[in-house]
Amino acid sequence: MFDIGAFLDPGCGVWWGQGSAEPEPLVNAVLDAVDRVGPIRAFSGLTWNERLAGGDLPEQLTVVSYGGLGRLRGLSRHGRLDVVPCHYSAIPRMFATGQLPNDVGLVQVSPPDADGLVTLGTGVEYVADAIPHTRTLIAEINQQMPCTVGGPRLALSAFAAVIETDRPLREAPSRPPDPVEVRIAEHVASIVDDGATVQVGVGSLPSAVCESLAGHTDLGFHSGMITDAVLTLIEKGVITGARKEIDPGITVTGAALCSTPGYARLAALPVEFRAASYTHAPPVLSQLRSLVSINSAIEVDLLGQVGAELARGVHIGAVGGQVDFSRAASLTGSRSIIALRSTTGSGESAESTIVPVLRGGVVTTARVDVDAVVTEHGVAMLTGCTVAERALRLIEVAAPEHREALERGLTEQEV
């Protein structure tokens, strides 16, 4: 077993890649070493590592993240997650200034090519931005990590140590879209024009949106992460990037979270992986005048403010790239869309996700950065509407059984 303790000092800061690019054997080695090394502050993004899910984390380990994604929700429930609320576009600068842990970086990379160089595979994003500001790099060379293009290529001499593995990449838990998500997706697709450059997230609803876009032509794609659903649209000729203002013909992403067959398909497709300092940068996004951002939410209030981070005091989401893309799409692009189910929960305990006041208490995306809110009941177009008109349109797409209560709340607030 690899002993990572020799590379760790008491009080040091460690970061690692996220999602499918998380170097889990190295992360687990850190977890095993914490108690004998001393206090460690670690930065983790989206993780499906079961060891980062519960209350049995080593007491001397502090986990920092930009949100409660994947298994980090469990840490948040146990009070063991420190969240740094920030735009995803701000993460590169925080690594550069040392505001995020940057003493030791753990990465998962592809096998060396003929020139002895490795790539960051399916997780370029913040990793590429953190590397130049990190004292010590340690790599997991995974024989199943695809060699990708667009990101840095690194010599083995860049790493203080390496381990070699041959394991499948993580696949996000998934399920087919349900009928409600299909209806939401159909409404979303109805307000996306042919030739638009699309940003969409990960999950069953984003997958349903991609499926509903199958009848469109010449779409482009520029996003923080891609999935199998995006790859399918490329293969069907729906995503061509022919009309993109920048990077024409190329699907630009920071990361991939696919199925195992999906990862194998990447090399044959025009997909380029870029650092977060490119994928989420305002100067870059402002050039995409056809940009349509499609993001999810936990709740939306009657002003059009979006909550996408907290539910009952637990971090289950993040600011992430939502604001970066929503603001660019609304201000210099084509359209900013927030898509969500009209209710959460089931049966008599179901609650409306269109609310008078955000229950989570935190505004993720400002009302001025939202052009449309979409539920299974339709589209609430908000751009150009007065405060009162926005509230009425949002009530129209709320669940019918909750509309009367929302109208009463509206009257009481005198919106």
Protein backbone atom coordinates (compact mmCIF):
# COMPACT_ATOMS: atom_id res chain seq x y z
CA MET A 1 0.00 0.00 0.00
CA PHE A 2 1.24 3.48 -0.91
CA ASP A 3 2.28 5.53 2.14
CA ILE A 4 1.49 9.15 1.40
CA GLY A 5 2.49 10.33 4.86
CA ALA A 6 6.02 11.25 3.79
CA PHE A 7 4.57 13.99 1.56
CA LEU A 8 2.25 15.48 4.19
CA ASP A 9 3.08 17.89 7.00
CA PRO A 10 0.93 18.83 9.99
CA GLY A 11 -1.29 21.72 9.01
CA CYS A 12 -0.75 21.31 5.27
CA GLY A 13 -3.42 21.84 2.65
CA VAL A 14 -4.34 19.13 0.14
CA TRP A 15 -6.60 19.26 -2.92
CA TRP A 16 -7.69 16.59 -5.38
CA GLY A 17 -9.60 16.25 -8.63
CA GLN A 18 -13.34 15.60 -8.61
CA GLY A 19 -15.97 13.38 -10.17
CA SER A 20 -14.66 10.74 -12.54
CA ALA A 21 -11.13 12.19 -12.19
CA GLU A 22 -10.95 11.87 -8.42
CA PRO A 23 -7.78 9.87 -7.56
CA GLU A 24 -9.58 7.79 -4.97
CA PRO A 25 -6.67 5.51 -3.96
CA LEU A 26 -4.61 8.61 -3.16
CA VAL A 27 -7.52 10.27 -1.35
CA ASN A 28 -8.02 7.14 0.73
CA ALA A 29 -4.29 7.10 1.51
CA VAL A 30 -4.64 10.63 2.90
CA LEU A 31 -7.60 9.55 5.02
CA ASP A 32 -5.52 6.68 6.40
CA ALA A 33 -2.58 8.97 7.20
CA VAL A 34 -4.33 11.93 8.80
CA ASP A 35 -4.36 10.68 12.38
CA ARG A 36 -0.59 10.10 12.46
CA VAL A 37 0.38 13.14 10.40
CA GLY A 38 -1.70 15.75 12.17
CA PRO A 39 -4.26 18.34 11.10
CA ILE A 40 -4.90 18.51 7.35
CA ARG A 41 -7.19 20.88 5.45
CA ALA A 42 -8.44 19.33 2.22
CA PHE A 43 -10.35 20.71 -0.76
CA SER A 44 -12.72 18.34 -2.53
CA GLY A 45 -15.20 18.98 -5.32
CA LEU A 46 -17.91 16.56 -6.43
CA THR A 47 -17.15 13.14 -4.98
CA TRP A 48 -18.77 9.72 -4.99
CA ASN A 49 -16.15 8.31 -2.60
CA GLU A 50 -18.10 6.53 0.15
CA ARG A 51 -15.39 7.30 2.69
CA LEU A 52 -16.20 11.00 2.39
CA ALA A 53 -19.89 10.51 3.07
CA GLY A 54 -20.38 10.13 6.79
CA GLY A 55 -19.50 11.08 10.31
CA ASP A 56 -16.55 8.68 10.72
CA LEU A 57 -14.10 10.99 8.96
CA PRO A 58 -10.79 11.44 10.83
CA GLU A 59 -11.24 14.22 13.38
CA GLN A 60 -8.07 15.99 12.28
CA LEU A 61 -9.28 16.32 8.68
CA THR A 62 -11.15 19.46 7.66
CA VAL A 63 -12.94 19.16 4.32
CA VAL A 64 -13.51 22.34 2.33
CA SER A 65 -15.57 22.54 -0.85
CA TYR A 66 -17.46 24.95 -3.06
CA GLY A 67 -20.69 23.06 -2.30
CA GLY A 68 -22.36 19.91 -1.04
CA LEU A 69 -22.16 17.77 -4.16
CA GLY A 70 -22.39 13.99 -4.30
CA ARG A 71 -21.24 12.32 -1.07
CA LEU A 72 -20.35 15.67 0.47
CA ARG A 73 -24.02 16.08 1.31
CA GLY A 74 -23.47 13.46 4.00
CA LEU A 75 -20.62 15.46 5.45
CA SER A 76 -22.82 18.54 5.51
CA ARG A 77 -25.54 16.64 7.41
CA HIS A 78 -22.93 15.65 9.99
CA GLY A 79 -21.59 19.19 10.28
CA ARG A 80 -18.22 18.16 8.83
CA LEU A 81 -18.22 20.21 5.62
CA ASP A 82 -16.86 23.75 5.35
CA VAL A 83 -18.37 25.44 2.30
CA VAL A 84 -16.66 28.35 0.57
CA PRO A 85 -19.49 30.02 -1.35
CA CYS A 86 -18.05 31.27 -4.62
CA HIS A 87 -18.54 31.45 -8.32
CA TYR A 88 -16.80 28.57 -10.07
CA SER A 89 -14.88 31.15 -12.09
CA ALA A 90 -13.30 32.39 -8.83
CA ILE A 91 -11.76 29.04 -7.86
CA PRO A 92 -8.59 29.44 -10.00
CA ARG A 93 -7.77 32.76 -8.33
CA MET A 94 -8.34 31.31 -4.85
CA PHE A 95 -5.82 28.56 -5.57
CA ALA A 96 -3.37 31.15 -6.85
CA THR A 97 -3.68 33.27 -3.70
CA GLY A 98 -3.57 30.33 -1.27
CA GLN A 99 -7.13 30.88 -0.07
CA LEU A 100 -7.79 27.24 -0.97
CA PRO A 101 -5.45 24.43 0.14
CA ASN A 102 -2.53 24.18 -2.29
CA ASP A 103 0.45 22.49 -0.61
CA VAL A 104 -0.20 19.02 -2.07
CA GLY A 105 -2.27 18.17 -5.15
CA LEU A 106 -3.59 14.71 -6.00
CA VAL A 107 -4.49 13.99 -9.62
CA GLN A 108 -5.64 11.09 -11.75
CA VAL A 109 -4.00 11.04 -15.17
CA SER A 110 -3.93 9.04 -18.40
CA PRO A 111 -1.06 6.63 -19.19
CA PRO A 112 2.05 8.27 -20.70
CA ASP A 113 2.01 8.69 -24.47
CA ALA A 114 4.92 8.02 -26.84
CA ASP A 115 6.59 11.23 -25.61
CA GLY A 116 6.21 10.25 -21.97
CA LEU A 117 3.50 12.83 -21.32
CA VAL A 118 0.21 12.34 -19.46
CA THR A 119 -3.05 14.28 -19.60
CA LEU A 120 -5.56 15.17 -16.92
CA GLY A 121 -8.10 13.01 -18.74
CA THR A 122 -11.72 13.69 -17.81
CA GLY A 123 -10.96 16.30 -15.14
CA VAL A 124 -9.08 19.34 -16.42
CA GLU A 125 -11.27 22.10 -14.89
CA TYR A 126 -9.91 23.53 -11.59
CA VAL A 127 -7.09 20.97 -11.52
CA ALA A 128 -5.27 22.63 -14.41
CA ASP A 129 -5.54 25.99 -12.65
CA ALA A 130 -4.37 24.66 -9.27
CA ILE A 131 -1.29 22.79 -10.55
CA PRO A 132 0.95 25.86 -11.17
CA HIS A 133 0.40 27.01 -7.58
CA THR A 134 0.93 23.64 -5.87
CA ARG A 135 4.19 22.67 -4.16
CA THR A 136 3.88 18.89 -4.45
CA LEU A 137 1.97 16.85 -7.03
CA ILE A 138 1.19 13.15 -6.71
CA ALA A 139 -0.46 11.20 -9.51
CA GLU A 140 -2.53 8.10 -9.99
CA ILE A 141 -1.79 6.80 -13.47
CA ASN A 142 -4.96 4.90 -14.37
CA GLN A 143 -4.75 2.66 -17.42
CA GLN A 144 -8.46 3.31 -18.04
CA MET A 145 -8.26 7.11 -17.96
CA PRO A 146 -8.65 8.35 -21.55
CA CYS A 147 -6.07 10.65 -23.06
CA THR A 148 -7.93 13.89 -23.79
CA VAL A 149 -7.10 17.03 -25.73
CA GLY A 150 -7.25 20.69 -24.83
CA GLY A 151 -5.69 20.53 -21.37
CA PRO A 152 -2.06 20.47 -20.21
CA ARG A 153 0.25 17.57 -21.01
CA LEU A 154 2.60 16.80 -18.13
CA ALA A 155 5.91 15.00 -17.89
CA LEU A 156 6.24 12.36 -15.18
CA SER A 157 8.97 14.51 -13.67
CA ALA A 158 6.24 16.94 -12.59
CA PHE A 159 5.16 14.48 -9.88
CA ALA A 160 6.87 13.77 -6.58
CA ALA A 161 5.39 10.26 -6.68
CA VAL A 162 3.07 8.15 -8.81
CA ILE A 163 1.02 5.03 -8.33
CA GLU A 164 -0.38 2.89 -11.13
CA THR A 165 -3.90 1.49 -11.25
CA ASP A 166 -6.24 -0.14 -13.75
CA ARG A 167 -9.78 0.61 -12.61
CA PRO A 168 -13.00 1.86 -14.20
CA LEU A 169 -13.75 5.55 -13.84
CA ARG A 170 -16.57 6.55 -11.54
CA GLU A 171 -20.01 6.76 -13.07
CA ALA A 172 -22.52 9.08 -11.44
CA PRO A 173 -25.62 7.39 -10.01
CA SER A 174 -28.25 7.75 -12.70
CA ARG A 175 -31.86 6.92 -13.51
CA PRO A 176 -34.01 7.48 -16.59
CA PRO A 177 -35.93 10.79 -16.64
CA ASP A 178 -39.43 10.43 -15.23
CA PRO A 179 -42.57 11.80 -16.95
CA VAL A 180 -42.43 15.09 -15.03
CA GLU A 181 -38.83 15.69 -16.10
CA VAL A 182 -39.72 14.85 -19.68
CA ARG A 183 -42.45 17.51 -19.66
CA ILE A 184 -40.09 20.08 -18.17
CA ALA A 185 -37.49 19.23 -20.80
CA GLU A 186 -40.00 19.63 -23.62
CA HIS A 187 -40.85 23.12 -22.37
CA VAL A 188 -37.15 23.98 -22.15
CA ALA A 189 -36.48 22.76 -25.68
CA SER A 190 -39.30 24.93 -26.99
CA ILE A 191 -37.40 28.11 -26.06
CA VAL A 192 -33.98 27.01 -27.36
CA ASP A 193 -33.30 28.16 -30.91
CA ASP A 194 -31.46 26.20 -33.57
CA GLY A 195 -27.80 27.22 -33.64
CA ALA A 196 -27.73 28.10 -29.93
CA THR A 197 -24.69 27.32 -27.82
CA VAL A 198 -26.00 25.34 -24.85
CA GLN A 199 -24.78 24.94 -21.29
CA VAL A 200 -26.49 22.26 -19.22
CA GLY A 201 -25.65 20.40 -16.04
CA VAL A 202 -25.64 16.79 -14.85
CA GLY A 203 -28.54 14.60 -13.73
CA SER A 204 -31.76 13.07 -14.94
CA LEU A 205 -33.41 16.41 -15.76
CA PRO A 206 -30.44 17.71 -17.80
CA SER A 207 -30.39 14.34 -19.59
CA ALA A 208 -34.08 14.77 -20.41
CA VAL A 209 -33.34 18.25 -21.76
CA CYS A 210 -30.67 16.84 -24.05
CA GLU A 211 -33.08 14.19 -25.30
CA SER A 212 -35.68 16.88 -26.03
CA LEU A 213 -33.13 18.84 -28.07
CA ALA A 214 -32.66 15.94 -30.49
CA GLY A 215 -34.82 17.68 -33.12
CA HIS A 216 -32.70 20.83 -33.14
CA THR A 217 -29.95 21.64 -35.64
CA ASP A 218 -26.43 23.04 -35.40
CA LEU A 219 -26.35 23.39 -31.64
CA GLY A 220 -23.08 24.27 -29.95
CA PHE A 221 -21.98 23.20 -26.50
CA HIS A 222 -19.84 25.00 -23.91
CA SER A 223 -20.17 23.84 -20.32
CA GLY A 224 -18.36 22.80 -17.17
CA MET A 225 -19.21 19.13 -17.59
CA ILE A 226 -20.47 16.73 -20.24
CA THR A 227 -22.41 13.47 -19.98
CA ASP A 228 -23.48 10.59 -22.21
CA ALA A 229 -26.52 12.62 -23.25
CA VAL A 230 -24.27 15.29 -24.75
CA LEU A 231 -22.10 12.71 -26.51
CA THR A 232 -25.23 11.22 -28.08
CA LEU A 233 -26.24 14.62 -29.49
CA ILE A 234 -22.78 15.00 -31.01
CA GLU A 235 -22.97 11.56 -32.61
CA LYS A 236 -26.46 12.30 -33.99
CA GLY A 237 -25.21 15.50 -35.62
CA VAL A 238 -27.38 17.72 -33.42
CA ILE A 239 -24.38 19.33 -31.72
CA THR A 240 -22.07 20.48 -34.51
CA GLY A 241 -20.79 23.77 -33.14
CA ALA A 242 -21.03 25.16 -36.66
CA ARG A 243 -22.49 28.49 -35.51
CA LYS A 244 -20.43 29.02 -32.37
CA GLU A 245 -18.82 32.43 -32.19
CA ILE A 246 -15.66 30.90 -30.66
CA ASP A 247 -14.31 27.35 -30.81
CA PRO A 248 -16.44 26.49 -33.87
CA GLY A 249 -16.96 22.78 -34.41
CA ILE A 250 -15.66 21.93 -30.93
CA THR A 251 -17.53 20.89 -27.80
CA VAL A 252 -15.80 22.63 -24.92
CA THR A 253 -15.96 21.26 -21.37
CA GLY A 254 -13.94 21.10 -18.19
CA ALA A 255 -14.88 17.56 -17.16
CA ALA A 256 -16.82 14.46 -18.12
CA LEU A 257 -19.12 12.32 -15.98
CA CYS A 258 -20.23 9.50 -18.26
CA SER A 259 -20.81 5.77 -18.36
CA THR A 260 -17.83 3.49 -18.97
CA PRO A 261 -18.76 3.15 -22.68
CA GLY A 262 -19.13 6.94 -22.79
CA TYR A 263 -15.57 7.49 -21.61
CA ALA A 264 -14.37 5.15 -24.35
CA ARG A 265 -16.24 7.25 -26.98
CA LEU A 266 -14.56 10.53 -26.05
CA ALA A 267 -11.43 10.07 -28.15
CA ALA A 268 -13.43 9.79 -31.38
CA LEU A 269 -15.43 12.99 -30.81
CA PRO A 270 -14.57 16.70 -31.25
CA VAL A 271 -14.45 17.36 -27.51
CA GLU A 272 -11.82 19.53 -25.88
CA PHE A 273 -11.21 19.81 -22.14
CA ARG A 274 -10.24 23.24 -20.84
CA ALA A 275 -9.35 24.76 -17.48
CA ALA A 276 -12.01 26.50 -15.37
CA SER A 277 -10.20 29.76 -16.08
CA TYR A 278 -11.40 29.31 -19.66
CA THR A 279 -14.73 27.45 -19.46
CA HIS A 280 -16.22 29.81 -16.87
CA ALA A 281 -14.34 33.04 -17.56
CA PRO A 282 -16.60 36.08 -18.17
CA PRO A 283 -14.43 37.37 -21.07
CA VAL A 284 -14.81 33.99 -22.79
CA LEU A 285 -18.53 33.56 -22.14
CA SER A 286 -19.29 37.09 -23.29
CA GLN A 287 -18.16 36.10 -26.78
CA LEU A 288 -20.86 33.42 -26.99
CA ARG A 289 -23.72 35.64 -28.09
CA SER A 290 -25.87 32.56 -28.78
CA LEU A 291 -25.36 31.14 -25.25
CA VAL A 292 -28.37 29.50 -23.60
CA SER A 293 -27.75 28.43 -20.01
CA ILE A 294 -29.99 25.73 -18.57
CA ASN A 295 -29.63 25.22 -14.84
CA SER A 296 -31.54 23.53 -12.05
CA ALA A 297 -32.69 24.82 -8.68
CA ILE A 298 -34.06 23.76 -5.33
CA GLU A 299 -36.53 26.66 -5.19
CA VAL A 300 -37.46 29.96 -6.84
CA ASP A 301 -39.21 32.80 -5.05
CA LEU A 302 -41.87 35.13 -6.43
CA LEU A 303 -39.22 37.70 -7.31
CA GLY A 304 -37.45 35.17 -9.53
CA GLN A 305 -34.54 34.67 -7.12
CA VAL A 306 -33.02 31.20 -7.26
CA GLY A 307 -31.96 28.98 -4.35
CA ALA A 308 -29.73 26.10 -5.43
CA GLU A 309 -27.57 25.41 -2.40
CA LEU A 310 -29.39 24.65 0.85
CA ALA A 311 -32.30 22.43 1.87
CA ARG A 312 -33.27 22.28 5.55
CA GLY A 313 -29.87 23.61 6.53
CA VAL A 314 -27.93 21.01 4.55
CA HIS A 315 -25.72 21.91 1.61
CA ILE A 316 -26.97 19.76 -1.27
CA GLY A 317 -25.88 22.04 -4.11
CA ALA A 318 -23.52 24.87 -4.92
CA VAL A 319 -23.23 28.24 -6.55
CA GLY A 320 -20.86 26.46 -8.92
CA GLY A 321 -21.03 27.69 -12.48
CA GLN A 322 -24.72 28.59 -12.37
CA VAL A 323 -24.19 32.31 -11.91
CA ASP A 324 -21.24 32.45 -14.32
CA PHE A 325 -23.36 30.98 -17.10
CA SER A 326 -26.72 32.49 -16.15
CA ARG A 327 -25.35 36.02 -16.06
CA ALA A 328 -23.46 35.61 -19.33
CA ALA A 329 -26.46 34.03 -21.07
CA SER A 330 -28.84 36.73 -19.87
CA LEU A 331 -26.55 39.74 -20.32
CA THR A 332 -24.44 39.05 -23.41
CA GLY A 333 -25.85 35.76 -24.69
CA SER A 334 -29.27 34.52 -25.69
CA ARG A 335 -31.26 33.29 -22.68
CA SER A 336 -30.86 32.14 -19.07
CA ILE A 337 -33.22 29.30 -18.09
CA ILE A 338 -33.90 27.81 -14.64
CA ALA A 339 -35.68 24.45 -14.81
CA LEU A 340 -37.17 22.63 -11.83
CA ARG A 341 -40.08 20.45 -10.71
CA SER A 342 -43.01 22.41 -9.32
CA THR A 343 -43.02 20.36 -6.10
CA THR A 344 -40.56 18.56 -3.88
CA GLY A 345 -41.48 15.55 -1.76
CA SER A 346 -44.51 13.37 -2.32
CA GLY A 347 -48.10 12.91 -1.28
CA GLU A 348 -49.60 15.23 1.30
CA SER A 349 -46.13 16.36 2.40
CA ALA A 350 -45.22 17.69 -1.06
CA GLU A 351 -44.09 21.30 -0.98
CA SER A 352 -44.07 23.91 -3.71
CA THR A 353 -40.71 24.84 -5.17
CA ILE A 354 -42.17 28.20 -6.21
CA VAL A 355 -42.22 30.01 -2.89
CA PRO A 356 -42.98 33.49 -1.52
CA VAL A 357 -39.59 33.57 0.24
CA LEU A 358 -36.63 31.24 -0.24
CA ARG A 359 -36.74 28.65 2.55
CA GLY A 360 -32.99 28.05 2.31
CA GLY A 361 -32.39 31.70 3.10
CA VAL A 362 -29.67 32.04 0.47
CA VAL A 363 -29.96 33.57 -3.00
CA THR A 364 -27.78 31.66 -5.45
CA THR A 365 -28.75 33.44 -8.66
CA ALA A 366 -30.17 36.96 -8.67
CA ARG A 367 -33.52 37.64 -10.27
CA VAL A 368 -31.93 39.91 -12.89
CA ASP A 369 -29.91 36.95 -14.23
CA VAL A 370 -32.97 34.75 -14.90
CA ASP A 371 -34.87 35.09 -18.18
CA ALA A 372 -37.19 32.11 -17.83
CA VAL A 373 -38.32 29.68 -15.14
CA VAL A 374 -39.62 26.35 -16.42
CA THR A 375 -41.62 23.68 -14.61
CA GLU A 376 -43.77 20.83 -15.90
CA HIS A 377 -46.64 23.35 -16.02
CA GLY A 378 -45.03 25.68 -18.53
CA VAL A 379 -42.63 28.56 -19.07
CA ALA A 380 -42.60 31.79 -17.06
CA MET A 381 -40.84 34.36 -19.23
CA LEU A 382 -39.56 37.04 -16.84
CA THR A 383 -37.38 39.35 -18.91
CA GLY A 384 -38.88 42.81 -19.17
CA CYS A 385 -41.60 42.10 -16.62
CA THR A 386 -42.32 44.25 -13.60
CA VAL A 387 -41.98 42.80 -10.12
CA ALA A 388 -45.74 42.18 -9.94
CA GLU A 389 -45.88 40.64 -13.41
CA ARG A 390 -42.99 38.28 -12.60
CA ALA A 391 -44.78 37.00 -9.51
CA LEU A 392 -47.99 36.33 -11.43
CA ARG A 393 -46.14 34.46 -14.18
CA LEU A 394 -44.30 32.34 -11.64
CA ILE A 395 -47.56 31.42 -9.91
CA GLU A 396 -48.91 30.26 -13.29
CA VAL A 397 -46.17 27.59 -13.52
CA ALA A 398 -46.44 26.53 -9.89
CA ALA A 399 -48.26 23.33 -8.98
CA PRO A 400 -52.04 24.02 -9.21
CA GLU A 401 -52.66 22.90 -5.64
CA HIS A 402 -50.24 25.54 -4.33
CA ARG A 403 -51.28 28.51 -6.46
CA GLU A 404 -53.97 29.82 -4.12
CA ALA A 405 -51.55 29.92 -1.19
CA LEU A 406 -48.97 31.69 -3.34
CA GLU A 407 -51.54 34.27 -4.39
CA ARG A 408 -52.40 34.89 -0.73
CA GLY A 409 -48.73 35.26 0.07
CA LEU A 410 -48.38 37.68 -2.79
CA THR A 411 -51.21 39.81 -1.45
CA GLU A 412 -49.77 39.78 2.06
CA GLN A 413 -46.36 40.91 0.77
CA GLU A 414 -47.95 43.49 -1.52
CA VAL A 415 -45.42 42.55 -4.21
